[in-house]
Amino acid sequence: MTSTRHDTLTGPADTVWEGRWLRIRQRGTWEFAERTHADGMAVIIVAVTPEQKLVFVEQFRVPLQQRTIEMPAGLVGDNDGEDTLEKAAARELLEETGWQASHVEVLMEGPTSSGMSTERIAFCRATGLTRVHAGGGDESEDITVHEVPVAEAAQWLCARMAEGYSMDPKLWAGLWFVDRNPDGSPAR
């Protein structure tokens, strides 16, 4: 039996406010955010260099007013003709870090913040990396690339956190995916 409260949360949503990149919607009493472009999907890329170093990016994030450490990531559908998670992941990895992948595999996808946003993310593993350029992002970004030995990555992240960097807990999920699949089996 469906409750009345649940019924008010499953109908159509009203737009409360819309900007250039985000829209605030309301369904019943619940307010949530949607992206106005890029299909509401993002990718996070787990990438290990041939020297067994995990690739991280550092950048200032305006909403947090802090520098963050992240795995390379970006929106799907930012570029015309980009219709797959794999293509978006390869593009973002190259743009942000200067590393080109010969293979990208999608590991899993799910919501980023299911109580606040419709955005979904996909963890992708990039392999067969070749250095093409220094990275740093596009003209709107100021990204610093960090390459940290895989065996030292968790400690390095904790040290950055102690220094005051903001850390997304998804980083630790990314560490899991360095050498494991979602089910715990070894990565190829």
N, C-alpha and C. Protein backbone atom coordinates (compact mmCIF):
# COMPACT_ATOMS: atom_id res chain seq x y z
N MET A 1 0.83 -1.17 0.00
CA MET A 1 0.00 0.00 0.00
C MET A 1 0.89 1.25 0.00
N THR A 2 0.62 2.17 -0.89
CA THR A 2 1.39 3.40 -1.01
C THR A 2 0.82 4.47 -0.09
N SER A 3 1.71 5.15 0.64
CA SER A 3 1.25 6.20 1.54
C SER A 3 0.94 7.47 0.77
N THR A 4 0.12 8.33 1.36
CA THR A 4 -0.20 9.62 0.76
C THR A 4 1.06 10.47 0.63
N ARG A 5 1.92 10.43 1.64
CA ARG A 5 3.16 11.20 1.60
C ARG A 5 4.00 10.79 0.40
N HIS A 6 4.12 9.49 0.14
CA HIS A 6 4.89 9.00 -1.00
C HIS A 6 4.26 9.49 -2.30
N ASP A 7 2.94 9.49 -2.40
CA ASP A 7 2.26 9.92 -3.61
C ASP A 7 2.61 11.36 -3.99
N THR A 8 2.80 12.23 -3.00
CA THR A 8 3.12 13.63 -3.30
C THR A 8 4.56 13.79 -3.77
N LEU A 9 5.36 12.76 -3.61
CA LEU A 9 6.77 12.85 -3.99
C LEU A 9 7.08 12.13 -5.30
N THR A 10 6.08 11.56 -5.96
CA THR A 10 6.34 10.81 -7.19
C THR A 10 5.71 11.44 -8.42
N GLY A 11 4.98 12.52 -8.27
CA GLY A 11 4.35 13.17 -9.42
C GLY A 11 5.32 14.07 -10.17
N PRO A 12 4.78 14.90 -11.04
CA PRO A 12 5.63 15.81 -11.80
C PRO A 12 6.30 16.84 -10.89
N ALA A 13 7.46 17.31 -11.32
CA ALA A 13 8.20 18.31 -10.55
C ALA A 13 8.01 19.69 -11.17
N ASP A 14 7.94 20.69 -10.31
CA ASP A 14 7.85 22.08 -10.75
C ASP A 14 9.24 22.70 -10.73
N THR A 15 9.51 23.58 -11.69
CA THR A 15 10.76 24.32 -11.69
C THR A 15 10.60 25.54 -10.79
N VAL A 16 11.44 25.65 -9.76
CA VAL A 16 11.41 26.76 -8.82
C VAL A 16 12.31 27.89 -9.32
N TRP A 17 13.47 27.51 -9.87
CA TRP A 17 14.44 28.49 -10.37
C TRP A 17 15.31 27.81 -11.41
N GLU A 18 15.72 28.56 -12.44
CA GLU A 18 16.62 28.00 -13.44
C GLU A 18 17.68 29.03 -13.80
N GLY A 19 18.94 28.58 -13.75
CA GLY A 19 20.07 29.40 -14.15
C GLY A 19 20.68 28.84 -15.41
N ARG A 20 21.90 29.28 -15.68
CA ARG A 20 22.59 28.84 -16.89
C ARG A 20 22.97 27.36 -16.82
N TRP A 21 23.39 26.87 -15.64
CA TRP A 21 23.90 25.51 -15.52
C TRP A 21 23.06 24.61 -14.62
N LEU A 22 22.27 25.21 -13.73
CA LEU A 22 21.47 24.43 -12.76
C LEU A 22 20.02 24.86 -12.77
N ARG A 23 19.19 23.93 -12.34
CA ARG A 23 17.75 24.17 -12.19
C ARG A 23 17.37 23.60 -10.83
N ILE A 24 16.57 24.35 -10.07
CA ILE A 24 16.04 23.85 -8.80
C ILE A 24 14.60 23.43 -9.05
N ARG A 25 14.30 22.21 -8.66
CA ARG A 25 12.96 21.63 -8.88
C ARG A 25 12.32 21.31 -7.54
N GLN A 26 11.01 21.19 -7.54
CA GLN A 26 10.28 20.80 -6.34
C GLN A 26 9.21 19.78 -6.72
N ARG A 27 9.19 18.71 -5.96
CA ARG A 27 8.19 17.66 -6.13
C ARG A 27 7.59 17.45 -4.75
N GLY A 28 6.33 17.82 -4.58
CA GLY A 28 5.74 17.80 -3.25
C GLY A 28 6.47 18.82 -2.39
N THR A 29 6.99 18.39 -1.26
CA THR A 29 7.75 19.29 -0.39
C THR A 29 9.26 19.15 -0.61
N TRP A 30 9.70 18.28 -1.52
CA TRP A 30 11.11 17.99 -1.72
C TRP A 30 11.71 18.89 -2.80
N GLU A 31 12.78 19.59 -2.45
CA GLU A 31 13.51 20.41 -3.41
C GLU A 31 14.80 19.69 -3.80
N PHE A 32 15.16 19.80 -5.10
CA PHE A 32 16.38 19.14 -5.57
C PHE A 32 16.93 19.89 -6.77
N ALA A 33 18.19 19.62 -7.09
CA ALA A 33 18.88 20.29 -8.20
C ALA A 33 19.04 19.35 -9.38
N GLU A 34 19.02 19.95 -10.56
CA GLU A 34 19.30 19.24 -11.81
C GLU A 34 20.28 20.09 -12.62
N ARG A 35 21.06 19.46 -13.46
CA ARG A 35 21.87 20.21 -14.41
C ARG A 35 20.99 20.56 -15.60
N THR A 36 21.24 21.72 -16.20
CA THR A 36 20.44 22.13 -17.36
C THR A 36 21.05 21.63 -18.67
N HIS A 37 22.20 20.99 -18.59
CA HIS A 37 22.89 20.48 -19.78
C HIS A 37 23.66 19.21 -19.38
N ALA A 38 24.32 18.63 -20.30
CA ALA A 38 25.23 17.50 -20.07
C ALA A 38 24.53 16.28 -19.51
N ASP A 39 23.24 16.16 -19.70
CA ASP A 39 22.53 14.91 -19.40
C ASP A 39 22.56 14.48 -17.94
N GLY A 40 23.07 15.31 -17.04
CA GLY A 40 23.07 14.97 -15.62
C GLY A 40 24.00 13.83 -15.24
N MET A 41 24.97 13.54 -16.09
CA MET A 41 25.89 12.43 -15.86
C MET A 41 27.31 12.95 -15.83
N ALA A 42 28.10 12.43 -14.90
CA ALA A 42 29.51 12.79 -14.80
C ALA A 42 30.34 11.52 -14.72
N VAL A 43 31.63 11.65 -15.00
CA VAL A 43 32.56 10.53 -14.90
C VAL A 43 33.67 10.87 -13.93
N ILE A 44 34.13 9.88 -13.19
CA ILE A 44 35.32 9.97 -12.36
C ILE A 44 36.29 8.93 -12.91
N ILE A 45 37.53 9.37 -13.15
CA ILE A 45 38.47 8.49 -13.82
C ILE A 45 39.57 8.03 -12.86
N VAL A 46 39.70 6.72 -12.72
CA VAL A 46 40.77 6.10 -11.95
C VAL A 46 41.86 5.77 -12.96
N ALA A 47 43.01 6.46 -12.82
CA ALA A 47 44.08 6.30 -13.81
C ALA A 47 45.42 6.10 -13.10
N VAL A 48 46.12 5.05 -13.51
CA VAL A 48 47.44 4.74 -12.96
C VAL A 48 48.45 4.79 -14.11
N THR A 49 49.52 5.56 -13.91
CA THR A 49 50.54 5.73 -14.94
C THR A 49 51.36 4.45 -15.10
N PRO A 50 52.14 4.35 -16.17
CA PRO A 50 53.02 3.18 -16.34
C PRO A 50 54.01 3.02 -15.17
N GLU A 51 54.29 4.12 -14.46
CA GLU A 51 55.21 4.07 -13.30
C GLU A 51 54.47 3.71 -12.01
N GLN A 52 53.23 3.24 -12.13
CA GLN A 52 52.39 2.85 -10.98
C GLN A 52 52.11 4.02 -10.04
N LYS A 53 51.80 5.16 -10.65
CA LYS A 53 51.40 6.34 -9.88
C LYS A 53 49.95 6.66 -10.20
N LEU A 54 49.18 6.91 -9.14
CA LEU A 54 47.78 7.27 -9.28
C LEU A 54 47.68 8.76 -9.58
N VAL A 55 46.83 9.12 -10.53
CA VAL A 55 46.70 10.50 -10.97
C VAL A 55 45.57 11.19 -10.22
N PHE A 56 45.91 12.32 -9.57
CA PHE A 56 44.95 13.18 -8.88
C PHE A 56 45.03 14.58 -9.48
N VAL A 57 43.96 15.36 -9.28
CA VAL A 57 43.97 16.76 -9.68
C VAL A 57 43.62 17.62 -8.48
N GLU A 58 44.20 18.80 -8.46
CA GLU A 58 43.95 19.77 -7.40
C GLU A 58 43.40 21.04 -8.05
N GLN A 59 42.33 21.58 -7.47
CA GLN A 59 41.79 22.83 -7.98
C GLN A 59 40.95 23.53 -6.93
N PHE A 60 40.77 24.83 -7.11
CA PHE A 60 39.94 25.62 -6.21
C PHE A 60 38.49 25.42 -6.63
N ARG A 61 37.62 25.10 -5.66
CA ARG A 61 36.20 24.90 -5.95
C ARG A 61 35.40 26.04 -5.31
N VAL A 62 34.75 26.83 -6.14
CA VAL A 62 34.03 28.02 -5.69
C VAL A 62 32.95 27.70 -4.65
N PRO A 63 32.10 26.67 -4.83
CA PRO A 63 31.06 26.44 -3.81
C PRO A 63 31.63 26.18 -2.41
N LEU A 64 32.79 25.53 -2.34
CA LEU A 64 33.40 25.20 -1.06
C LEU A 64 34.33 26.28 -0.55
N GLN A 65 34.77 27.16 -1.47
CA GLN A 65 35.78 28.18 -1.16
C GLN A 65 37.05 27.53 -0.60
N GLN A 66 37.42 26.40 -1.21
CA GLN A 66 38.60 25.65 -0.79
C GLN A 66 39.23 24.97 -1.99
N ARG A 67 40.50 24.65 -1.82
CA ARG A 67 41.16 23.80 -2.80
C ARG A 67 40.75 22.37 -2.50
N THR A 68 40.62 21.57 -3.52
CA THR A 68 40.24 20.18 -3.36
C THR A 68 41.26 19.28 -4.06
N ILE A 69 41.32 18.05 -3.60
CA ILE A 69 42.04 17.00 -4.31
C ILE A 69 40.96 16.05 -4.82
N GLU A 70 41.05 15.70 -6.08
CA GLU A 70 40.03 14.85 -6.71
C GLU A 70 40.72 13.90 -7.68
N MET A 71 39.98 12.91 -8.12
CA MET A 71 40.41 12.15 -9.29
C MET A 71 39.91 12.94 -10.49
N PRO A 72 40.57 12.81 -11.64
CA PRO A 72 40.07 13.53 -12.81
C PRO A 72 38.59 13.20 -13.02
N ALA A 73 37.83 14.20 -13.41
CA ALA A 73 36.39 14.00 -13.55
C ALA A 73 35.81 15.06 -14.47
N GLY A 74 34.60 14.83 -14.91
CA GLY A 74 33.92 15.83 -15.74
C GLY A 74 32.56 15.38 -16.17
N LEU A 75 31.88 16.27 -16.86
CA LEU A 75 30.52 16.02 -17.31
C LEU A 75 30.50 15.27 -18.64
N VAL A 76 29.50 14.44 -18.80
CA VAL A 76 29.28 13.73 -20.06
C VAL A 76 28.40 14.61 -20.93
N GLY A 77 28.76 14.76 -22.20
CA GLY A 77 27.95 15.54 -23.12
C GLY A 77 28.37 16.99 -23.22
N ASP A 78 29.51 17.34 -22.64
CA ASP A 78 30.01 18.71 -22.76
C ASP A 78 30.37 19.06 -24.20
N ASN A 79 30.83 18.08 -24.96
CA ASN A 79 31.25 18.30 -26.34
C ASN A 79 30.27 17.66 -27.30
N ASP A 80 30.02 18.32 -28.44
CA ASP A 80 29.14 17.76 -29.47
C ASP A 80 29.69 16.42 -29.95
N GLY A 81 28.80 15.46 -30.16
CA GLY A 81 29.19 14.16 -30.67
C GLY A 81 29.70 13.21 -29.62
N GLU A 82 29.78 13.68 -28.39
CA GLU A 82 30.27 12.82 -27.30
C GLU A 82 29.07 12.09 -26.70
N ASP A 83 28.95 10.81 -26.99
CA ASP A 83 27.75 10.11 -26.57
C ASP A 83 28.00 8.93 -25.66
N THR A 84 29.23 8.74 -25.23
CA THR A 84 29.49 7.61 -24.34
C THR A 84 30.25 8.06 -23.10
N LEU A 85 30.09 7.30 -22.04
CA LEU A 85 30.84 7.56 -20.82
C LEU A 85 32.34 7.41 -21.08
N GLU A 86 32.71 6.42 -21.86
CA GLU A 86 34.11 6.16 -22.17
C GLU A 86 34.76 7.34 -22.89
N LYS A 87 34.06 7.91 -23.88
CA LYS A 87 34.61 9.07 -24.60
C LYS A 87 34.76 10.27 -23.68
N ALA A 88 33.77 10.50 -22.83
CA ALA A 88 33.86 11.63 -21.89
C ALA A 88 35.02 11.43 -20.92
N ALA A 89 35.19 10.22 -20.42
CA ALA A 89 36.27 9.94 -19.48
C ALA A 89 37.63 10.14 -20.15
N ALA A 90 37.79 9.65 -21.36
CA ALA A 90 39.06 9.81 -22.08
C ALA A 90 39.35 11.29 -22.32
N ARG A 91 38.34 12.05 -22.71
CA ARG A 91 38.51 13.48 -22.96
C ARG A 91 38.91 14.22 -21.70
N GLU A 92 38.21 13.97 -20.59
CA GLU A 92 38.49 14.66 -19.33
C GLU A 92 39.88 14.31 -18.80
N LEU A 93 40.25 13.04 -18.89
CA LEU A 93 41.58 12.62 -18.44
C LEU A 93 42.66 13.37 -19.20
N LEU A 94 42.55 13.42 -20.52
CA LEU A 94 43.55 14.09 -21.34
C LEU A 94 43.56 15.59 -21.05
N GLU A 95 42.40 16.20 -21.01
CA GLU A 95 42.29 17.65 -20.79
C GLU A 95 42.85 18.07 -19.43
N GLU A 96 42.48 17.34 -18.39
CA GLU A 96 42.88 17.73 -17.04
C GLU A 96 44.30 17.32 -16.68
N THR A 97 44.76 16.18 -17.18
CA THR A 97 46.04 15.63 -16.70
C THR A 97 47.12 15.50 -17.76
N GLY A 98 46.76 15.54 -19.03
CA GLY A 98 47.73 15.33 -20.09
C GLY A 98 48.00 13.87 -20.41
N TRP A 99 47.31 12.96 -19.73
CA TRP A 99 47.48 11.53 -19.98
C TRP A 99 46.39 11.04 -20.93
N GLN A 100 46.80 10.31 -21.97
CA GLN A 100 45.86 9.72 -22.93
C GLN A 100 45.76 8.23 -22.63
N ALA A 101 44.54 7.72 -22.59
CA ALA A 101 44.31 6.30 -22.30
C ALA A 101 44.05 5.53 -23.58
N SER A 102 44.62 4.33 -23.67
CA SER A 102 44.32 3.47 -24.82
C SER A 102 43.03 2.69 -24.59
N HIS A 103 42.60 2.59 -23.31
CA HIS A 103 41.37 1.86 -22.99
C HIS A 103 40.70 2.50 -21.78
N VAL A 104 39.39 2.64 -21.84
CA VAL A 104 38.59 3.12 -20.72
C VAL A 104 37.43 2.16 -20.53
N GLU A 105 37.26 1.70 -19.29
CA GLU A 105 36.12 0.82 -19.01
C GLU A 105 35.27 1.44 -17.90
N VAL A 106 33.96 1.32 -18.06
CA VAL A 106 33.02 1.80 -17.05
C VAL A 106 32.88 0.71 -16.00
N LEU A 107 33.09 1.10 -14.74
CA LEU A 107 33.03 0.13 -13.64
C LEU A 107 31.65 0.09 -12.98
N MET A 108 31.07 1.25 -12.73
CA MET A 108 29.74 1.32 -12.12
C MET A 108 29.23 2.74 -12.21
N GLU A 109 27.93 2.91 -12.04
CA GLU A 109 27.38 4.24 -11.99
C GLU A 109 26.30 4.32 -10.92
N GLY A 110 26.09 5.53 -10.41
CA GLY A 110 25.09 5.74 -9.37
C GLY A 110 24.97 7.22 -9.04
N PRO A 111 24.07 7.57 -8.11
CA PRO A 111 23.84 8.97 -7.77
C PRO A 111 24.99 9.57 -6.97
N THR A 112 25.20 10.89 -7.14
CA THR A 112 26.25 11.58 -6.38
C THR A 112 25.74 11.99 -5.00
N SER A 113 24.52 12.48 -4.94
CA SER A 113 23.90 12.91 -3.69
C SER A 113 22.40 12.75 -3.85
N SER A 114 21.91 11.54 -3.64
CA SER A 114 20.55 11.18 -4.02
C SER A 114 19.45 11.97 -3.32
N GLY A 115 19.74 12.63 -2.22
CA GLY A 115 18.74 13.45 -1.55
C GLY A 115 18.72 14.89 -2.02
N MET A 116 19.73 15.28 -2.84
CA MET A 116 19.85 16.68 -3.22
C MET A 116 19.88 16.92 -4.73
N SER A 117 20.26 15.91 -5.50
CA SER A 117 20.50 16.15 -6.92
C SER A 117 20.14 14.91 -7.75
N THR A 118 19.78 15.16 -9.01
CA THR A 118 19.54 14.06 -9.94
C THR A 118 20.83 13.60 -10.62
N GLU A 119 21.94 14.30 -10.36
CA GLU A 119 23.21 13.96 -11.01
C GLU A 119 23.65 12.53 -10.67
N ARG A 120 24.19 11.87 -11.68
CA ARG A 120 24.74 10.53 -11.53
C ARG A 120 26.20 10.56 -11.96
N ILE A 121 26.99 9.64 -11.38
CA ILE A 121 28.40 9.53 -11.77
C ILE A 121 28.69 8.10 -12.20
N ALA A 122 29.70 7.99 -13.01
CA ALA A 122 30.21 6.67 -13.40
C ALA A 122 31.70 6.64 -13.07
N PHE A 123 32.12 5.62 -12.34
CA PHE A 123 33.54 5.38 -12.14
C PHE A 123 34.06 4.67 -13.38
N CYS A 124 35.14 5.20 -13.94
CA CYS A 124 35.77 4.60 -15.11
C CYS A 124 37.23 4.34 -14.79
N ARG A 125 37.75 3.23 -15.30
CA ARG A 125 39.17 2.92 -15.14
C ARG A 125 39.85 3.14 -16.49
N ALA A 126 40.88 3.98 -16.50
CA ALA A 126 41.64 4.26 -17.71
C ALA A 126 42.96 3.52 -17.65
N THR A 127 43.30 2.80 -18.70
CA THR A 127 44.55 2.03 -18.74
C THR A 127 45.30 2.32 -20.04
N GLY A 128 46.54 1.83 -20.08
CA GLY A 128 47.37 2.07 -21.26
C GLY A 128 47.66 3.55 -21.43
N LEU A 129 48.10 4.21 -20.36
CA LEU A 129 48.30 5.66 -20.40
C LEU A 129 49.60 6.05 -21.10
N THR A 130 49.51 7.13 -21.86
CA THR A 130 50.65 7.75 -22.53
C THR A 130 50.60 9.25 -22.24
N ARG A 131 51.74 9.82 -21.82
CA ARG A 131 51.80 11.26 -21.54
C ARG A 131 51.81 12.02 -22.87
N VAL A 132 50.85 12.94 -23.05
CA VAL A 132 50.73 13.73 -24.26
C VAL A 132 51.10 15.19 -24.00
N HIS A 133 50.68 15.73 -22.85
CA HIS A 133 51.02 17.11 -22.47
C HIS A 133 50.94 17.22 -20.95
N ALA A 134 51.18 18.41 -20.42
CA ALA A 134 51.27 18.60 -18.97
C ALA A 134 49.92 18.64 -18.25
N GLY A 135 48.83 18.77 -18.98
CA GLY A 135 47.52 18.86 -18.33
C GLY A 135 47.26 20.26 -17.83
N GLY A 136 46.31 20.39 -16.92
CA GLY A 136 45.97 21.69 -16.36
C GLY A 136 44.56 22.14 -16.65
N GLY A 137 43.84 21.41 -17.49
CA GLY A 137 42.45 21.75 -17.79
C GLY A 137 42.31 22.68 -18.97
N ASP A 138 41.07 23.11 -19.21
CA ASP A 138 40.81 24.03 -20.32
C ASP A 138 41.00 25.47 -19.85
N GLU A 139 40.62 26.43 -20.70
CA GLU A 139 40.87 27.85 -20.40
C GLU A 139 40.11 28.35 -19.17
N SER A 140 39.09 27.63 -18.71
CA SER A 140 38.33 28.06 -17.53
C SER A 140 38.82 27.40 -16.25
N GLU A 141 39.83 26.53 -16.36
CA GLU A 141 40.29 25.76 -15.20
C GLU A 141 41.75 26.09 -14.85
N ASP A 142 42.09 25.87 -13.60
CA ASP A 142 43.45 26.02 -13.11
C ASP A 142 43.76 24.78 -12.29
N ILE A 143 44.14 23.72 -12.97
CA ILE A 143 44.31 22.41 -12.36
C ILE A 143 45.79 22.08 -12.19
N THR A 144 46.13 21.59 -11.01
CA THR A 144 47.46 21.06 -10.74
C THR A 144 47.35 19.55 -10.72
N VAL A 145 48.24 18.88 -11.45
CA VAL A 145 48.23 17.43 -11.54
C VAL A 145 49.20 16.85 -10.51
N HIS A 146 48.75 15.85 -9.78
CA HIS A 146 49.59 15.13 -8.82
C HIS A 146 49.64 13.67 -9.24
N GLU A 147 50.84 13.10 -9.22
CA GLU A 147 51.02 11.68 -9.49
C GLU A 147 51.66 11.08 -8.26
N VAL A 148 50.93 10.17 -7.61
CA VAL A 148 51.33 9.63 -6.30
C VAL A 148 51.47 8.12 -6.42
N PRO A 149 52.59 7.55 -5.93
CA PRO A 149 52.71 6.09 -5.98
C PRO A 149 51.46 5.42 -5.38
N VAL A 150 50.94 4.44 -6.07
CA VAL A 150 49.71 3.77 -5.64
C VAL A 150 49.79 3.33 -4.19
N ALA A 151 50.92 2.75 -3.78
CA ALA A 151 51.05 2.24 -2.41
C ALA A 151 51.00 3.34 -1.36
N GLU A 152 51.23 4.58 -1.75
CA GLU A 152 51.25 5.71 -0.82
C GLU A 152 50.02 6.61 -0.93
N ALA A 153 49.08 6.28 -1.82
CA ALA A 153 47.98 7.18 -2.15
C ALA A 153 47.08 7.50 -0.95
N ALA A 154 46.68 6.50 -0.17
CA ALA A 154 45.78 6.76 0.97
C ALA A 154 46.44 7.67 1.99
N GLN A 155 47.71 7.41 2.28
CA GLN A 155 48.43 8.26 3.24
C GLN A 155 48.60 9.67 2.69
N TRP A 156 48.88 9.80 1.41
CA TRP A 156 49.04 11.11 0.78
C TRP A 156 47.74 11.90 0.87
N LEU A 157 46.61 11.24 0.59
CA LEU A 157 45.31 11.91 0.69
C LEU A 157 45.04 12.37 2.12
N CYS A 158 45.33 11.53 3.10
CA CYS A 158 45.11 11.91 4.51
C CYS A 158 46.00 13.09 4.90
N ALA A 159 47.22 13.13 4.39
CA ALA A 159 48.10 14.27 4.68
C ALA A 159 47.55 15.55 4.07
N ARG A 160 46.99 15.49 2.85
CA ARG A 160 46.39 16.68 2.23
C ARG A 160 45.16 17.12 3.03
N MET A 161 44.39 16.16 3.52
CA MET A 161 43.22 16.49 4.33
C MET A 161 43.66 17.22 5.60
N ALA A 162 44.73 16.74 6.24
CA ALA A 162 45.26 17.38 7.46
C ALA A 162 45.75 18.80 7.17
N GLU A 163 46.15 19.07 5.92
CA GLU A 163 46.59 20.40 5.52
C GLU A 163 45.42 21.34 5.23
N GLY A 164 44.20 20.80 5.23
CA GLY A 164 43.03 21.65 5.01
C GLY A 164 42.35 21.52 3.67
N TYR A 165 42.84 20.62 2.83
CA TYR A 165 42.16 20.39 1.55
C TYR A 165 40.82 19.73 1.81
N SER A 166 39.85 20.04 0.98
CA SER A 166 38.56 19.37 1.05
C SER A 166 38.64 18.08 0.25
N MET A 167 38.16 16.99 0.83
CA MET A 167 38.26 15.69 0.18
C MET A 167 36.89 15.05 -0.01
N ASP A 168 36.61 14.65 -1.21
CA ASP A 168 35.38 13.93 -1.51
C ASP A 168 35.56 12.48 -1.08
N PRO A 169 34.65 11.94 -0.28
CA PRO A 169 34.78 10.54 0.14
C PRO A 169 34.85 9.54 -1.03
N LYS A 170 34.39 9.95 -2.22
CA LYS A 170 34.48 9.06 -3.38
C LYS A 170 35.92 8.75 -3.76
N LEU A 171 36.87 9.56 -3.27
CA LEU A 171 38.28 9.24 -3.52
C LEU A 171 38.63 7.85 -3.02
N TRP A 172 38.09 7.49 -1.85
CA TRP A 172 38.42 6.18 -1.28
C TRP A 172 37.75 5.05 -2.06
N ALA A 173 36.61 5.31 -2.66
CA ALA A 173 36.03 4.32 -3.58
C ALA A 173 36.94 4.17 -4.79
N GLY A 174 37.49 5.28 -5.27
CA GLY A 174 38.42 5.24 -6.39
C GLY A 174 39.65 4.41 -6.07
N LEU A 175 40.13 4.50 -4.83
CA LEU A 175 41.28 3.68 -4.43
C LEU A 175 40.94 2.19 -4.55
N TRP A 176 39.73 1.83 -4.18
CA TRP A 176 39.27 0.43 -4.30
C TRP A 176 39.37 -0.04 -5.75
N PHE A 177 38.99 0.87 -6.68
CA PHE A 177 38.94 0.50 -8.10
C PHE A 177 40.30 0.49 -8.80
N VAL A 178 41.36 0.86 -8.12
CA VAL A 178 42.68 0.81 -8.74
C VAL A 178 42.99 -0.62 -9.20
N ASP A 179 42.75 -1.58 -8.32
CA ASP A 179 43.09 -2.96 -8.67
C ASP A 179 41.96 -3.96 -8.45
N ARG A 180 40.73 -3.43 -8.23
CA ARG A 180 39.58 -4.31 -8.04
C ARG A 180 38.40 -3.85 -8.89
N ASN A 181 37.55 -4.77 -9.21
CA ASN A 181 36.27 -4.48 -9.84
C ASN A 181 35.24 -4.25 -8.74
N PRO A 182 34.05 -3.74 -9.08
CA PRO A 182 33.05 -3.48 -8.04
C PRO A 182 32.73 -4.69 -7.17
N ASP A 183 32.80 -5.89 -7.74
CA ASP A 183 32.47 -7.10 -6.96
C ASP A 183 33.66 -7.62 -6.13
N GLY A 184 34.77 -6.91 -6.17
CA GLY A 184 35.96 -7.32 -5.39
C GLY A 184 36.93 -8.19 -6.16
N SER A 185 36.54 -8.65 -7.33
CA SER A 185 37.46 -9.47 -8.13
C SER A 185 38.61 -8.59 -8.62
N PRO A 186 39.77 -9.22 -8.88
CA PRO A 186 40.92 -8.44 -9.34
C PRO A 186 40.66 -7.78 -10.70
N ALA A 187 41.18 -6.58 -10.87
CA ALA A 187 41.10 -5.91 -12.18
C ALA A 187 41.98 -6.68 -13.16
N ARG A 188 41.65 -6.60 -14.40
CA ARG A 188 42.42 -7.33 -15.42
C ARG A 188 43.84 -6.87 -15.48
